[in-house]
Amino acid sequence: MYIALVAKTEIDLVALEKGELDEDDAVKLLIKTMESYTNGGLILIKEKLEENPNYFLQPTSFLNLILESAKI
C-alpha cells in the first residue's frame, strides 16, 4: 500500500535525496494523497448505502464494490 501511495504522489525522489525537498513537505504530499483516496472510498461507500442500506451485509460486498469501481 505504501509503494502505491508513493507511486501515485508526485514527489521528486531525487530532490528529496539531495535535500532540495524537505522531508516534512514530502510527508504532507503523501498524507494529502492518502486522504484523497480515503475520502473517495468513503463517498463510494456512502452512495452504495444510500442505494441499498443492506448492501454491505453480503460477504463479498466490498470486493464487488471494488470491481464495480474499477470499471469506471
Protein backbone atom coordinates (compact mmCIF):
# COMPACT_ATOMS: atom_id res chain seq x y z
CA MET A 1 0.00 0.00 0.00
CA TYR A 2 2.85 2.37 0.82
CA ILE A 3 4.52 1.74 -2.55
CA ALA A 4 1.25 2.52 -4.36
CA LEU A 5 0.93 5.72 -2.34
CA VAL A 6 4.46 6.79 -3.30
CA ALA A 7 3.77 5.92 -6.95
CA LYS A 8 0.56 7.97 -7.03
CA THR A 9 2.11 11.00 -5.31
CA GLU A 10 4.16 13.43 -7.36
CA ILE A 11 7.32 13.54 -5.26
CA ASP A 12 10.72 14.21 -6.79
CA LEU A 13 12.69 11.49 -5.03
CA VAL A 14 15.98 12.76 -6.40
CA ALA A 15 15.33 16.23 -4.97
CA LEU A 16 14.36 14.61 -1.67
CA GLU A 17 17.60 12.63 -1.63
CA LYS A 18 19.66 15.73 -2.43
CA GLY A 19 17.96 17.69 0.33
CA GLU A 20 16.30 20.10 -2.10
CA LEU A 21 12.88 18.90 -0.93
CA ASP A 22 12.11 18.98 2.77
CA GLU A 23 11.04 15.67 4.35
CA ASP A 24 8.07 17.36 6.01
CA ASP A 25 6.83 18.58 2.64
CA ALA A 26 7.15 15.09 1.17
CA VAL A 27 5.21 13.61 4.09
CA LYS A 28 2.49 16.26 3.67
CA LEU A 29 2.15 15.31 -0.01
CA LEU A 30 1.85 11.62 0.90
CA ILE A 31 -0.77 12.39 3.55
CA LYS A 32 -2.75 14.54 1.10
CA THR A 33 -2.78 11.72 -1.47
CA MET A 34 -3.85 9.14 1.14
CA GLU A 35 -6.63 11.39 2.40
CA SER A 36 -7.88 11.94 -1.15
CA TYR A 37 -8.17 8.20 -1.80
CA THR A 38 -9.74 7.63 1.63
CA ASN A 39 -12.36 10.33 1.09
CA GLY A 40 -13.14 8.97 -2.37
CA GLY A 41 -13.66 5.49 -0.96
CA LEU A 42 -15.92 6.78 1.79
CA ILE A 43 -18.02 8.63 -0.78
CA LEU A 44 -18.43 5.40 -2.78
CA ILE A 45 -19.49 3.53 0.38
CA LYS A 46 -21.97 6.28 1.28
CA GLU A 47 -23.52 6.17 -2.20
CA LYS A 48 -23.92 2.39 -2.01
CA LEU A 49 -25.57 2.64 1.41
CA GLU A 50 -27.98 5.27 0.11
CA GLU A 51 -28.93 3.00 -2.80
CA ASN A 52 -29.29 -0.12 -0.64
CA PRO A 53 -28.87 0.01 3.17
CA ASN A 54 -28.28 -3.78 3.25
CA TYR A 55 -25.62 -3.81 0.51
CA PHE A 56 -22.70 -4.44 2.87
CA LEU A 57 -24.36 -7.42 4.57
CA GLN A 58 -23.22 -9.64 1.69
CA PRO A 59 -19.90 -11.44 2.28
CA THR A 60 -18.41 -10.20 -1.00
CA SER A 61 -19.86 -6.69 -0.95
CA PHE A 62 -16.54 -4.83 -0.67
CA LEU A 63 -14.97 -6.94 -3.40
CA ASN A 64 -17.99 -6.26 -5.62
CA LEU A 65 -17.67 -2.53 -4.91
CA ILE A 66 -14.01 -2.57 -5.91
CA LEU A 67 -14.78 -4.46 -9.11
CA GLU A 68 -17.61 -2.06 -9.99
CA SER A 69 -15.40 0.97 -9.33
CA ALA A 70 -12.60 -0.44 -11.48
CA LYS A 71 -14.94 -0.46 -14.49
CA ILE A 72 -15.46 3.30 -14.28
